[in-house]
Amino acid sequence: MDYETLRHFADTWGLVFLVTIFLSVIAWVFRPGAGRVYEESARIPLKED
């Protein structure tokens, strides 16, 4: 495998892979019911022990 072939592979399938990961993370963050968990996590520093 030479440099040009590897570069072409990275340009096409690497981009597809990274976009898939990005969209998966976005879907995970904005899933239904996740807001409650994030609200609780955001209030941790304000809790008094």
N, C-alpha and C. Protein backbone atom coordinates (compact mmCIF):
# COMPACT_ATOMS: atom_id res chain seq x y z
N MET A 1 0.85 -1.17 0.00
CA MET A 1 0.00 0.00 0.00
C MET A 1 0.91 1.25 0.00
N ASP A 2 0.70 2.10 -0.96
CA ASP A 2 1.53 3.31 -1.03
C ASP A 2 0.82 4.50 -0.36
N TYR A 3 1.50 5.60 -0.34
CA TYR A 3 1.00 6.79 0.36
C TYR A 3 -0.31 7.29 -0.23
N GLU A 4 -0.42 7.30 -1.53
CA GLU A 4 -1.62 7.83 -2.19
C GLU A 4 -2.85 6.98 -1.86
N THR A 5 -2.67 5.68 -1.84
CA THR A 5 -3.79 4.79 -1.51
C THR A 5 -4.22 4.98 -0.07
N LEU A 6 -3.26 5.06 0.82
CA LEU A 6 -3.57 5.27 2.23
C LEU A 6 -4.23 6.63 2.44
N ARG A 7 -3.77 7.63 1.75
CA ARG A 7 -4.34 8.97 1.86
C ARG A 7 -5.78 8.98 1.36
N HIS A 8 -6.04 8.32 0.25
CA HIS A 8 -7.40 8.24 -0.29
C HIS A 8 -8.32 7.51 0.69
N PHE A 9 -7.84 6.42 1.25
CA PHE A 9 -8.63 5.67 2.22
C PHE A 9 -8.96 6.53 3.44
N ALA A 10 -7.98 7.26 3.96
CA ALA A 10 -8.18 8.11 5.13
C ALA A 10 -9.13 9.26 4.81
N ASP A 11 -9.03 9.81 3.62
CA ASP A 11 -9.90 10.92 3.24
C ASP A 11 -11.36 10.50 3.13
N THR A 12 -11.61 9.30 2.69
CA THR A 12 -13.00 8.89 2.50
C THR A 12 -13.54 8.19 3.75
N TRP A 13 -12.99 7.06 4.11
CA TRP A 13 -13.53 6.29 5.21
C TRP A 13 -13.20 6.89 6.57
N GLY A 14 -12.09 7.61 6.67
CA GLY A 14 -11.78 8.31 7.91
C GLY A 14 -12.80 9.38 8.21
N LEU A 15 -13.19 10.11 7.17
CA LEU A 15 -14.21 11.14 7.33
C LEU A 15 -15.55 10.53 7.72
N VAL A 16 -15.93 9.45 7.07
CA VAL A 16 -17.18 8.77 7.41
C VAL A 16 -17.15 8.28 8.85
N PHE A 17 -16.04 7.74 9.28
CA PHE A 17 -15.90 7.24 10.65
C PHE A 17 -16.04 8.37 11.66
N LEU A 18 -15.36 9.48 11.44
CA LEU A 18 -15.40 10.59 12.38
C LEU A 18 -16.78 11.26 12.42
N VAL A 19 -17.43 11.38 11.29
CA VAL A 19 -18.79 11.95 11.26
C VAL A 19 -19.76 11.03 11.99
N THR A 20 -19.59 9.73 11.85
CA THR A 20 -20.45 8.79 12.56
C THR A 20 -20.26 8.90 14.06
N ILE A 21 -19.03 9.00 14.51
CA ILE A 21 -18.77 9.17 15.94
C ILE A 21 -19.37 10.48 16.43
N PHE A 22 -19.20 11.57 15.68
CA PHE A 22 -19.74 12.86 16.07
C PHE A 22 -21.25 12.81 16.21
N LEU A 23 -21.94 12.24 15.24
CA LEU A 23 -23.40 12.16 15.30
C LEU A 23 -23.87 11.25 16.43
N SER A 24 -23.11 10.20 16.73
CA SER A 24 -23.46 9.32 17.84
C SER A 24 -23.35 10.06 19.17
N VAL A 25 -22.32 10.86 19.33
CA VAL A 25 -22.16 11.63 20.57
C VAL A 25 -23.27 12.65 20.71
N ILE A 26 -23.61 13.32 19.64
CA ILE A 26 -24.70 14.30 19.67
C ILE A 26 -26.02 13.62 20.02
N ALA A 27 -26.29 12.48 19.44
CA ALA A 27 -27.52 11.74 19.75
C ALA A 27 -27.53 11.29 21.21
N TRP A 28 -26.37 10.90 21.73
CA TRP A 28 -26.28 10.45 23.13
C TRP A 28 -26.54 11.61 24.09
N VAL A 29 -26.02 12.78 23.79
CA VAL A 29 -26.18 13.93 24.68
C VAL A 29 -27.63 14.42 24.68
N PHE A 30 -28.26 14.44 23.54
CA PHE A 30 -29.61 14.98 23.43
C PHE A 30 -30.70 13.91 23.46
N ARG A 31 -30.39 12.75 24.01
CA ARG A 31 -31.40 11.69 24.08
C ARG A 31 -32.48 12.08 25.10
N PRO A 32 -33.69 11.56 24.94
CA PRO A 32 -34.75 11.87 25.89
C PRO A 32 -34.39 11.37 27.30
N GLY A 33 -34.63 12.20 28.28
CA GLY A 33 -34.37 11.83 29.66
C GLY A 33 -32.98 12.18 30.14
N ALA A 34 -32.12 12.65 29.27
CA ALA A 34 -30.75 12.96 29.67
C ALA A 34 -30.66 14.29 30.41
N GLY A 35 -31.61 15.17 30.18
CA GLY A 35 -31.57 16.49 30.81
C GLY A 35 -31.58 16.42 32.33
N ARG A 36 -32.32 15.48 32.88
CA ARG A 36 -32.40 15.33 34.33
C ARG A 36 -31.04 14.95 34.91
N VAL A 37 -30.35 14.06 34.25
CA VAL A 37 -29.02 13.64 34.70
C VAL A 37 -28.04 14.81 34.66
N TYR A 38 -28.11 15.61 33.59
CA TYR A 38 -27.21 16.74 33.45
C TYR A 38 -27.54 17.83 34.47
N GLU A 39 -28.80 18.01 34.80
CA GLU A 39 -29.19 18.98 35.83
C GLU A 39 -28.61 18.58 37.18
N GLU A 40 -28.73 17.30 37.52
CA GLU A 40 -28.18 16.82 38.79
C GLU A 40 -26.67 16.98 38.83
N SER A 41 -26.00 16.69 37.74
CA SER A 41 -24.55 16.83 37.68
C SER A 41 -24.12 18.29 37.79
N ALA A 42 -24.90 19.18 37.23
CA ALA A 42 -24.56 20.60 37.27
C ALA A 42 -24.71 21.17 38.68
N ARG A 43 -25.54 20.56 39.52
CA ARG A 43 -25.78 21.08 40.86
C ARG A 43 -24.82 20.49 41.90
N ILE A 44 -23.98 19.56 41.53
CA ILE A 44 -23.06 18.94 42.48
C ILE A 44 -22.18 19.96 43.19
N PRO A 45 -21.57 20.93 42.50
CA PRO A 45 -20.71 21.88 43.23
C PRO A 45 -21.48 22.77 44.20
N LEU A 46 -22.78 22.90 44.01
CA LEU A 46 -23.56 23.79 44.86
C LEU A 46 -24.13 23.09 46.09
N LYS A 47 -24.01 21.78 46.16
CA LYS A 47 -24.54 21.04 47.30
C LYS A 47 -23.69 21.28 48.53
N GLU A 48 -24.34 21.39 49.66
CA GLU A 48 -23.62 21.49 50.92
C GLU A 48 -23.58 20.12 51.56
N ASP A 49 -22.42 19.76 52.06
CA ASP A 49 -22.27 18.43 52.66
C ASP A 49 -22.76 18.40 54.07
